[in-house]
C-alpha atoms as a PDB file:
ATOM      1  CA  MET A   1     311.757  90.741 130.049  1.00  0.00           C
ATOM      2  CA  VAL A   2     309.550  87.503 130.522  1.00  0.00           C
ATOM      3  CA  ALA A   3     307.387  87.441 133.305  1.00  0.00           C
ATOM      4  CA  LEU A   4     307.888  84.106 134.801  1.00  0.00           C
ATOM      5  CA  SER A   5     306.209  84.872 138.110  1.00  0.00           C
ATOM      6  CA  HIS A   6     302.637  85.205 136.811  1.00  0.00           C
ATOM      7  CA  PHE A   7     302.586  81.752 135.699  1.00  0.00           C
ATOM      8  CA  ARG A   8     305.212  80.006 138.521  1.00  0.00           C
ATOM      9  CA  LEU A   9     301.759  77.856 139.709  1.00  0.00           C
ATOM     10  CA  ILE A  10     301.304  76.454 136.260  1.00  0.00           C
ATOM     11  CA  GLN A  11     305.134  76.376 135.851  1.00  0.00           C
ATOM     12  CA  ALA A  12     305.153  74.411 138.671  1.00  0.00           C
ATOM     13  CA  ARG A  13     302.642  71.714 137.890  1.00  0.00           C
ATOM     14  CA  VAL A  14     304.358  71.712 134.161  1.00  0.00           C
ATOM     15  CA  THR A  15     308.193  70.360 135.541  1.00  0.00           C
ATOM     16  CA  LEU A  16     306.785  67.838 138.325  1.00  0.00           C
ATOM     17  CA  ARG A  17     304.773  66.227 135.753  1.00  0.00           C
ATOM     18  CA  ARG A  18     308.091  66.032 133.200  1.00  0.00           C
ATOM     19  CA  GLY A  19     310.503  65.173 136.327  1.00  0.00           C
ATOM     20  CA  LEU A  20     311.857  68.236 136.083  1.00  0.00           C
ATOM     21  CA  SER A  21     313.408  70.612 138.818  1.00  0.00           C
ATOM     22  CA  SER A  22     312.459  74.497 138.505  1.00  0.00           C
ATOM     23  CA  THR A  23     315.866  75.551 139.143  1.00  0.00           C
ATOM     24  CA  ALA A  24     316.463  72.931 135.569  1.00  0.00           C
ATOM     25  CA  PHE A  25     313.074  74.498 133.811  1.00  0.00           C
ATOM     26  CA  LEU A  26     314.545  78.044 134.202  1.00  0.00           C
ATOM     27  CA  ARG A  27     318.076  76.948 132.995  1.00  0.00           C
ATOM     28  CA  ASP A  28     316.690  75.287 129.981  1.00  0.00           C
ATOM     29  CA  SER A  29     314.640  78.519 129.529  1.00  0.00           C
ATOM     30  CA  ALA A  30     317.093  80.844 129.909  1.00  0.00           C
ATOM     31  CA  GLN A  31     318.871  78.643 126.705  1.00  0.00           C
ATOM     32  CA  GLN A  32     316.102  79.286 124.731  1.00  0.00           C
ATOM     33  CA  ASP A  33     316.658  82.144 121.506  1.00  0.00           C
ATOM     34  CA  PRO A  34     315.451  85.262 123.325  1.00  0.00           C
ATOM     35  CA  THR A  35     314.551  87.064 120.169  1.00  0.00           C
ATOM     36  CA  SER A  36     311.837  83.935 119.564  1.00  0.00           C
ATOM     37  CA  THR A  37     308.770  84.854 121.307  1.00  0.00           C
ATOM     38  CA  THR A  38     305.335  84.321 121.725  1.00  0.00           C
ATOM     39  CA  HIS A  39     302.480  85.142 123.743  1.00  0.00           C
ATOM     40  CA  PHE A  40     301.342  83.104 126.630  1.00  0.00           C
ATOM     41  CA  GLY A  41     297.895  84.867 127.869  1.00  0.00           C
ATOM     42  CA  TYR A  42     299.335  88.476 128.351  1.00  0.00           C
ATOM     43  CA  LYS A  43     302.561  87.071 128.668  1.00  0.00           C
ATOM     44  CA  THR A  44     305.344  87.309 126.761  1.00  0.00           C
ATOM     45  CA  VAL A  45     307.466  83.523 127.149  1.00  0.00           C
ATOM     46  CA  PRO A  46     309.953  82.136 124.578  1.00  0.00           C
ATOM     47  CA  SER A  47     308.464  80.217 121.572  1.00  0.00           C
ATOM     48  CA  ASP A  48     309.416  77.117 122.575  1.00  0.00           C
ATOM     49  CA  MET A  49     307.818  77.024 125.817  1.00  0.00           C
ATOM     50  CA  LYS A  50     304.823  77.644 124.787  1.00  0.00           C
ATOM     51  CA  GLU A  51     303.780  74.304 123.941  1.00  0.00           C
ATOM     52  CA  THR A  52     304.682  72.375 127.581  1.00  0.00           C
ATOM     53  CA  LEU A  53     303.218  75.532 129.568  1.00  0.00           C
ATOM     54  CA  VAL A  54     299.752  74.661 126.972  1.00  0.00           C
ATOM     55  CA  ARG A  55     300.221  71.323 127.655  1.00  0.00           C
ATOM     56  CA  GLY A  56     300.351  71.818 131.509  1.00  0.00           C
ATOM     57  CA  VAL A  57     297.096  73.712 131.202  1.00  0.00           C
ATOM     58  CA  PHE A  58     295.049  71.153 130.131  1.00  0.00           C
ATOM     59  CA  SER A  59     296.699  68.324 131.904  1.00  0.00           C
ATOM     60  CA  SER A  60     295.547  70.054 135.237  1.00  0.00           C
ATOM     61  CA  VAL A  61     291.798  70.933 133.773  1.00  0.00           C
ATOM     62  CA  ALA A  62     291.632  67.836 132.005  1.00  0.00           C
ATOM     63  CA  LYS A  63     289.479  66.013 133.938  1.00  0.00           C
ATOM     64  CA  ARG A  64     287.248  68.924 134.709  1.00  0.00           C
ATOM     65  CA  TYR A  65     287.291  70.334 131.367  1.00  0.00           C
ATOM     66  CA  ASP A  66     283.764  69.469 129.765  1.00  0.00           C
ATOM     67  CA  VAL A  67     282.002  70.309 133.436  1.00  0.00           C
ATOM     68  CA  MET A  68     283.642  74.234 132.965  1.00  0.00           C
ATOM     69  CA  ASN A  69     282.593  74.342 129.220  1.00  0.00           C
ATOM     70  CA  ASP A  70     278.896  74.095 130.903  1.00  0.00           C
ATOM     71  CA  ALA A  71     279.802  76.076 133.269  1.00  0.00           C
ATOM     72  CA  MET A  72     281.546  79.223 131.359  1.00  0.00           C
ATOM     73  CA  SER A  73     279.407  79.143 129.055  1.00  0.00           C
ATOM     74  CA  MET A  74     275.441  78.241 130.657  1.00  0.00           C
ATOM     75  CA  GLY A  75     275.559  75.159 128.399  1.00  0.00           C
ATOM     76  CA  VAL A  76     275.560  77.127 125.162  1.00  0.00           C
ATOM     77  CA  HIS A  77     278.930  75.716 123.838  1.00  0.00           C
ATOM     78  CA  ARG A  78     276.824  72.610 123.251  1.00  0.00           C
ATOM     79  CA  LEU A  79     274.844  74.963 120.636  1.00  0.00           C
ATOM     80  CA  TRP A  80     278.062  76.238 119.032  1.00  0.00           C
ATOM     81  CA  LYS A  81     278.979  72.843 118.559  1.00  0.00           C
ATOM     82  CA  ASP A  82     275.657  71.616 117.460  1.00  0.00           C
ATOM     83  CA  HIS A  83     275.575  74.473 114.347  1.00  0.00           C
ATOM     84  CA  PHE A  84     279.184  73.963 113.867  1.00  0.00           C
ATOM     85  CA  ILE A  85     278.347  70.049 112.973  1.00  0.00           C
ATOM     86  CA  ARG A  86     275.115  70.791 110.700  1.00  0.00           C
ATOM     87  CA  LYS A  87     277.357  73.952 108.848  1.00  0.00           C
ATOM     88  CA  MET A  88     280.083  71.450 108.189  1.00  0.00           C
ATOM     89  CA  ALA A  89     277.101  68.867 106.540  1.00  0.00           C
ATOM     90  CA  PRO A  90     279.301  65.813 105.877  1.00  0.00           C
ATOM     91  CA  SER A  91     279.179  63.626 102.907  1.00  0.00           C
ATOM     92  CA  PRO A  92     278.337  59.843 103.867  1.00  0.00           C
ATOM     93  CA  GLY A  93     281.952  58.337 103.780  1.00  0.00           C
ATOM     94  CA  ALA A  94     283.839  61.467 105.220  1.00  0.00           C
ATOM     95  CA  LYS A  95     287.024  61.232 106.705  1.00  0.00           C
ATOM     96  CA  LEU A  96     287.256  63.658 109.874  1.00  0.00           C
ATOM     97  CA  LEU A  97     290.699  64.687 111.327  1.00  0.00           C
ATOM     98  CA  ASP A  98     289.687  66.625 114.761  1.00  0.00           C
ATOM     99  CA  VAL A  99     292.957  67.928 115.719  1.00  0.00           C
ATOM    100  CA  ALA A 100     292.791  69.405 119.503  1.00  0.00           C
ATOM    101  CA  GLY A 101     290.264  67.280 119.327  1.00  0.00           C
ATOM    102  CA  GLY A 102     289.810  66.936 123.450  1.00  0.00           C
ATOM    103  CA  THR A 103     287.352  65.281 125.056  1.00  0.00           C
ATOM    104  CA  GLY A 104     285.918  64.077 121.610  1.00  0.00           C
ATOM    105  CA  ASP A 105     282.899  66.043 121.848  1.00  0.00           C
ATOM    106  CA  ILE A 106     283.231  67.399 118.359  1.00  0.00           C
ATOM    107  CA  ALA A 107     284.478  63.926 117.032  1.00  0.00           C
ATOM    108  CA  GLN A 108     281.219  61.986 118.671  1.00  0.00           C
ATOM    109  CA  ARG A 109     278.816  64.697 116.946  1.00  0.00           C
ATOM    110  CA  PHE A 110     280.351  64.178 113.846  1.00  0.00           C
ATOM    111  CA  LEU A 111     279.606  60.070 114.032  1.00  0.00           C
ATOM    112  CA  GLU A 112     275.731  60.991 115.441  1.00  0.00           C
ATOM    113  CA  TYR A 113     275.181  63.054 112.200  1.00  0.00           C
ATOM    114  CA  GLN A 114     276.305  60.604 109.885  1.00  0.00           C
ATOM    115  CA  ASP A 115     274.285  57.776 111.758  1.00  0.00           C
ATOM    116  CA  ARG A 116     271.381  60.023 112.099  1.00  0.00           C
ATOM    117  CA  VAL A 117     271.395  62.214 108.870  1.00  0.00           C
ATOM    118  CA  ASN A 118     272.714  60.220 106.474  1.00  0.00           C
ATOM    119  CA  GLY A 119     272.854  56.451 107.336  1.00  0.00           C
ATOM    120  CA  ASP A 120     275.893  56.152 107.023  1.00  0.00           C
ATOM    121  CA  SER A 121     277.962  53.919 109.028  1.00  0.00           C
ATOM    122  CA  SER A 122     281.346  53.940 106.973  1.00  0.00           C
ATOM    123  CA  SER A 123     282.375  57.183 108.190  1.00  0.00           C
ATOM    124  CA  THR A 124     285.630  57.974 110.360  1.00  0.00           C
ATOM    125  CA  VAL A 125     287.479  60.202 112.988  1.00  0.00           C
ATOM    126  CA  HIS A 126     290.830  60.598 113.822  1.00  0.00           C
ATOM    127  CA  MET A 127     291.483  62.968 116.950  1.00  0.00           C
ATOM    128  CA  VAL A 128     294.675  64.506 117.562  1.00  0.00           C
ATOM    129  CA  ASP A 129     295.544  65.881 120.764  1.00  0.00           C
ATOM    130  CA  ILE A 130     298.700  67.370 121.845  1.00  0.00           C
ATOM    131  CA  ASN A 131     297.258  66.660 125.907  1.00  0.00           C
ATOM    132  CA  PRO A 132     297.341  62.999 126.559  1.00  0.00           C
ATOM    133  CA  GLU A 133     295.300  63.054 129.566  1.00  0.00           C
ATOM    134  CA  MET A 134     292.792  65.265 127.132  1.00  0.00           C
ATOM    135  CA  LEU A 135     292.904  62.495 124.909  1.00  0.00           C
ATOM    136  CA  ALA A 136     292.544  60.169 127.322  1.00  0.00           C
ATOM    137  CA  GLU A 137     289.464  62.083 128.645  1.00  0.00           C
ATOM    138  CA  GLY A 138     288.038  61.275 124.417  1.00  0.00           C
ATOM    139  CA  GLU A 139     288.931  57.922 124.803  1.00  0.00           C
ATOM    140  CA  HIS A 140     286.995  57.340 127.948  1.00  0.00           C
ATOM    141  CA  ARG A 141     284.085  59.052 125.863  1.00  0.00           C
ATOM    142  CA  PHE A 142     283.916  56.632 123.283  1.00  0.00           C
ATOM    143  CA  GLN A 143     284.800  53.247 125.584  1.00  0.00           C
ATOM    144  CA  ASP A 144     281.069  51.937 125.031  1.00  0.00           C
ATOM    145  CA  HIS A 145     280.447  53.172 121.758  1.00  0.00           C
ATOM    146  CA  CYS A 146     279.201  50.163 119.350  1.00  0.00           C
ATOM    147  CA  ASP A 147     281.953  50.634 117.069  1.00  0.00           C
ATOM    148  CA  ARG A 148     284.897  51.781 118.208  1.00  0.00           C
ATOM    149  CA  SER A 149     286.620  50.970 115.176  1.00  0.00           C
ATOM    150  CA  ARG A 150     285.969  54.225 113.531  1.00  0.00           C
ATOM    151  CA  ILE A 151     287.379  56.618 115.660  1.00  0.00           C
ATOM    152  CA  SER A 152     291.219  56.765 116.056  1.00  0.00           C
ATOM    153  CA  PHE A 153     293.276  58.519 118.823  1.00  0.00           C
ATOM    154  CA  ALA A 154     296.490  60.026 118.261  1.00  0.00           C
ATOM    155  CA  VAL A 155     298.797  62.483 120.908  1.00  0.00           C
ATOM    156  CA  GLY A 156     300.189  64.858 118.193  1.00  0.00           C
ATOM    157  CA  ASN A 157     301.153  68.455 117.499  1.00  0.00           C
ATOM    158  CA  ALA A 158     298.768  70.458 115.411  1.00  0.00           C
ATOM    159  CA  GLU A 159     301.767  72.457 113.872  1.00  0.00           C
ATOM    160  CA  HIS A 160     303.280  69.072 112.568  1.00  0.00           C
ATOM    161  CA  LEU A 161     301.117  66.646 111.507  1.00  0.00           C
ATOM    162  CA  ASP A 162     304.215  64.097 110.934  1.00  0.00           C
ATOM    163  CA  ASP A 163     302.614  60.837 110.535  1.00  0.00           C
ATOM    164  CA  ILE A 164     299.617  62.304 108.556  1.00  0.00           C
ATOM    165  CA  ALA A 165     299.820  61.917 104.563  1.00  0.00           C
ATOM    166  CA  ASP A 166     299.266  64.800 102.719  1.00  0.00           C
ATOM    167  CA  ALA A 167     295.582  64.803 100.952  1.00  0.00           C
ATOM    168  CA  SER A 168     294.413  61.976 103.040  1.00  0.00           C
ATOM    169  CA  PHE A 169     291.487  63.552 105.141  1.00  0.00           C
ATOM    170  CA  ASP A 170     287.879  65.163 103.075  1.00  0.00           C
ATOM    171  CA  VAL A 171     287.825  67.385 106.151  1.00  0.00           C
ATOM    172  CA  PHE A 172     289.802  68.886 109.361  1.00  0.00           C
ATOM    173  CA  SER A 173     288.397  70.582 112.168  1.00  0.00           C
ATOM    174  CA  ILE A 174     289.479  72.481 114.908  1.00  0.00           C
ATOM    175  CA  ALA A 175     287.433  73.717 117.919  1.00  0.00           C
ATOM    176  CA  PHE A 176     288.544  76.173 120.945  1.00  0.00           C
ATOM    177  CA  GLY A 177     292.217  74.956 120.150  1.00  0.00           C
ATOM    178  CA  ILE A 178     293.726  77.088 117.711  1.00  0.00           C
ATOM    179  CA  ARG A 179     294.418  79.642 119.916  1.00  0.00           C
ATOM    180  CA  ASN A 180     296.225  77.718 121.929  1.00  0.00           C
ATOM    181  CA  CYS A 181     298.965  76.979 119.423  1.00  0.00           C
ATOM    182  CA  THR A 182     302.377  78.892 119.086  1.00  0.00           C
ATOM    183  CA  ARG A 183     301.860  79.331 115.599  1.00  0.00           C
ATOM    184  CA  PRO A 184     298.032  79.108 114.205  1.00  0.00           C
ATOM    185  CA  GLU A 185     299.441  80.042 110.931  1.00  0.00           C
ATOM    186  CA  GLN A 186     301.169  76.651 110.507  1.00  0.00           C
ATOM    187  CA  VAL A 187     297.861  75.037 111.149  1.00  0.00           C
ATOM    188  CA  VAL A 188     296.387  75.921 108.690  1.00  0.00           C
ATOM    189  CA  ARG A 189     299.164  75.064 106.603  1.00  0.00           C
ATOM    190  CA  GLU A 190     299.168  72.177 107.877  1.00  0.00           C
ATOM    191  CA  ALA A 191     295.402  71.725 107.435  1.00  0.00           C
ATOM    192  CA  PHE A 192     295.962  72.384 103.406  1.00  0.00           C
ATOM    193  CA  ARG A 193     297.886  69.759 103.188  1.00  0.00           C
ATOM    194  CA  VAL A 194     296.619  66.982 104.745  1.00  0.00           C
ATOM    195  CA  LEU A 195     293.099  68.177 102.670  1.00  0.00           C
ATOM    196  CA  LYS A 196     292.081  66.015  99.614  1.00  0.00           C
ATOM    197  CA  PRO A 197     291.339  68.388  96.916  1.00  0.00           C
ATOM    198  CA  GLY A 198     287.771  69.738  97.427  1.00  0.00           C
ATOM    199  CA  GLY A 199     288.269  69.245 101.818  1.00  0.00           C
ATOM    200  CA  ARG A 200     287.306  71.427 104.216  1.00  0.00           C
ATOM    201  CA  PHE A 201     288.963  73.533 106.909  1.00  0.00           C
ATOM    202  CA  MET A 202     286.779  74.260 109.789  1.00  0.00           C
ATOM    203  CA  CYS A 203     287.230  76.394 112.914  1.00  0.00           C
ATOM    204  CA  LEU A 204     285.521  77.339 116.129  1.00  0.00           C
ATOM    205  CA  GLU A 205     287.007  79.471 118.465  1.00  0.00           C
ATOM    206  CA  PHE A 206     286.099  82.110 120.556  1.00  0.00           C
ATOM    207  CA  SER A 207     286.098  85.933 118.689  1.00  0.00           C
ATOM    208  CA  ARG A 208     285.808  89.697 119.636  1.00  0.00           C
ATOM    209  CA  VAL A 209     282.235  91.023 120.548  1.00  0.00           C
ATOM    210  CA  GLU A 210     282.239  94.335 118.128  1.00  0.00           C
ATOM    211  CA  ASN A 211     278.903  95.740 120.906  1.00  0.00           C
ATOM    212  CA  PRO A 212     280.753  97.961 123.068  1.00  0.00           C
ATOM    213  CA  VAL A 213     278.193  97.407 125.833  1.00  0.00           C
ATOM    214  CA  LEU A 214     277.618  93.440 125.216  1.00  0.00           C
ATOM    215  CA  ALA A 215     281.453  93.524 124.948  1.00  0.00           C
ATOM    216  CA  ALA A 216     282.175  94.815 128.495  1.00  0.00           C
ATOM    217  CA  ILE A 217     279.692  92.295 129.858  1.00  0.00           C
ATOM    218  CA  TYR A 218     281.743  89.709 128.326  1.00  0.00           C
ATOM    219  CA  ASP A 219     284.864  91.505 129.635  1.00  0.00           C
ATOM    220  CA  PHE A 220     283.230  91.433 132.719  1.00  0.00           C
ATOM    221  CA  HIS A 221     282.061  87.919 132.838  1.00  0.00           C
ATOM    222  CA  SER A 222     285.243  86.592 131.500  1.00  0.00           C
ATOM    223  CA  PHE A 223     287.827  88.480 133.933  1.00  0.00           C
ATOM    224  CA  ASN A 224     286.182  88.374 137.073  1.00  0.00           C
ATOM    225  CA  VAL A 225     283.527  84.776 136.942  1.00  0.00           C
ATOM    226  CA  ILE A 226     285.062  82.176 135.150  1.00  0.00           C
ATOM    227  CA  PRO A 227     288.610  82.358 137.140  1.00  0.00           C
ATOM    228  CA  ARG A 228     286.614  82.162 140.405  1.00  0.00           C
ATOM    229  CA  LEU A 229     284.603  79.528 138.700  1.00  0.00           C
ATOM    230  CA  GLY A 230     287.927  77.375 137.615  1.00  0.00           C
ATOM    231  CA  GLU A 231     288.977  77.587 141.188  1.00  0.00           C
ATOM    232  CA  ALA A 232     285.953  76.516 143.058  1.00  0.00           C
ATOM    233  CA  ILE A 233     284.906  73.919 139.874  1.00  0.00           C
ATOM    234  CA  ALA A 234     288.190  72.620 138.842  1.00  0.00           C
ATOM    235  CA  GLY A 235     290.339  74.054 141.652  1.00  0.00           C
ATOM    236  CA  ASP A 236     292.895  75.695 139.048  1.00  0.00           C
ATOM    237  CA  ARG A 237     292.322  79.971 139.048  1.00  0.00           C
ATOM    238  CA  ALA A 238     295.708  80.232 137.165  1.00  0.00           C
ATOM    239  CA  SER A 239     294.675  77.572 134.302  1.00  0.00           C
ATOM    240  CA  TYR A 240     291.241  79.977 133.838  1.00  0.00           C
ATOM    241  CA  GLU A 241     293.247  83.100 133.647  1.00  0.00           C
ATOM    242  CA  TYR A 242     295.141  82.209 130.703  1.00  0.00           C
ATOM    243  CA  LEU A 243     292.513  80.680 128.951  1.00  0.00           C
ATOM    244  CA  VAL A 244     290.221  83.954 129.685  1.00  0.00           C
ATOM    245  CA  GLU A 245     293.814  85.744 128.167  1.00  0.00           C
ATOM    246  CA  SER A 246     294.418  83.713 124.904  1.00  0.00           C
ATOM    247  CA  ILE A 247     291.032  84.472 123.706  1.00  0.00           C
ATOM    248  CA  ARG A 248     291.821  88.446 123.841  1.00  0.00           C
ATOM    249  CA  LYS A 249     295.346  87.435 122.477  1.00  0.00           C
ATOM    250  CA  PHE A 250     293.921  85.769 119.014  1.00  0.00           C
ATOM    251  CA  PRO A 251     293.759  87.223 115.912  1.00  0.00           C
ATOM    252  CA  PRO A 252     290.000  89.237 115.589  1.00  0.00           C
ATOM    253  CA  GLN A 253     287.894  87.530 112.749  1.00  0.00           C
ATOM    254  CA  ASN A 254     288.616  89.313 109.718  1.00  0.00           C
ATOM    255  CA  GLN A 255     292.388  88.779 110.211  1.00  0.00           C
ATOM    256  CA  PHE A 256     291.890  85.003 110.817  1.00  0.00           C
ATOM    257  CA  ALA A 257     290.010  84.755 107.548  1.00  0.00           C
ATOM    258  CA  GLN A 258     293.360  86.018 105.898  1.00  0.00           C
ATOM    259  CA  ILE A 259     295.125  83.617 107.329  1.00  0.00           C
ATOM    260  CA  ILE A 260     293.410  81.217 106.506  1.00  0.00           C
ATOM    261  CA  ARG A 261     293.209  82.088 102.476  1.00  0.00           C
ATOM    262  CA  ASP A 262     297.135  82.712 102.307  1.00  0.00           C
ATOM    263  CA  ALA A 263     297.009  79.514 103.166  1.00  0.00           C
ATOM    264  CA  GLY A 264     295.465  78.744 100.235  1.00  0.00           C
ATOM    265  CA  PHE A 265     291.982  78.284 101.332  1.00  0.00           C
ATOM    266  CA  THR A 266     289.029  80.022  99.494  1.00  0.00           C
ATOM    267  CA  THR A 267     286.755  81.371 101.735  1.00  0.00           C
ATOM    268  CA  ILE A 268     282.977  82.200 100.800  1.00  0.00           C
ATOM    269  CA  GLY A 269     281.822  85.560 101.672  1.00  0.00           C
ATOM    270  CA  ASN A 270     283.837  87.203 104.801  1.00  0.00           C
ATOM    271  CA  GLY A 271     285.144  83.252 105.595  1.00  0.00           C
ATOM    272  CA  TYR A 272     283.030  82.947 108.452  1.00  0.00           C
ATOM    273  CA  GLU A 273     279.898  83.149 110.646  1.00  0.00           C
ATOM    274  CA  ASN A 274     279.590  84.641 114.352  1.00  0.00           C
ATOM    275  CA  LEU A 275     277.630  83.407 116.645  1.00  0.00           C
ATOM    276  CA  THR A 276     276.124  85.100 119.843  1.00  0.00           C
ATOM    277  CA  PHE A 277     277.293  88.572 119.032  1.00  0.00           C
ATOM    278  CA  GLY A 278     280.702  87.336 117.981  1.00  0.00           C
ATOM    279  CA  THR A 279     281.757  85.549 121.161  1.00  0.00           C
ATOM    280  CA  VAL A 280     283.006  82.602 118.681  1.00  0.00           C
ATOM    281  CA  ALA A 281     283.087  82.183 114.844  1.00  0.00           C
ATOM    282  CA  ILE A 282     282.949  79.764 112.470  1.00  0.00           C
ATOM    283  CA  HIS A 283     285.910  79.674 109.975  1.00  0.00           C
ATOM    284  CA  THR A 284     285.426  77.777 106.628  1.00  0.00           C
ATOM    285  CA  GLY A 285     288.015  77.492 104.010  1.00  0.00           C
ATOM    286  CA  PHE A 286     288.216  75.000 100.943  1.00  0.00           C
ATOM    287  CA  LYS A 287     290.606  73.671  98.875  1.00  0.00           C
ATOM    288  CA  PHE A 288     290.407  74.021  95.860  1.00  0.00           C
END
């Protein structure tokens, strides 16, 4: 049975934003196929409900998202993202599709790398996010950019990139977003479709810490510190409880690497690089 009571706060925010009463929300949910379920953190929910719930989470935290990332990781997320772009090492003129692009920090790093390392002003980014509030934060980041024409924005679902043509991008990136998708394997299949031959799929995502001592410390920080920070900084404990739980529900490194291979990508070695003892991992697949 779906444990709706635990995420009542998130549900209420979502229904208010959509102009629905709680009664209508529950009635619509009850009409979903009860055999089609997925996880929302540690809770089991109808698959068709997860997209709406995730959208509600990020609508709630969008304004304080970057500040919370600094607080939660003590700024280390910036180093992870810098390394992610260096590992990507995009070639001059590359077209990047940045999915679940959030507040635009990956897109910004990509363009800055092209300018600084390659002396390239022709590379472009198309940034897609399911949440309009997050996308608005990304647009705000680029409002004073000297060449705003190099980046475009669209609201869209990573699992169904219907407006993106086959074989149209050189690189597909998704950073800290794929674990929030209902069907991560479908996201990877869409990445394979929209990439050109020779294109590259790159994913930065929280992963499993294997050392038991470090894992215990990490769990304490995740379940005790992060929700309190969410409450103090973003005024939203429930959303950050979900975000912590979602990390634990995402497949471990080797399983996700196999999902990437099953979608048709070729991986080198084990297909991923652990950072900070496995707190996060960079997954890479090539379309050959």
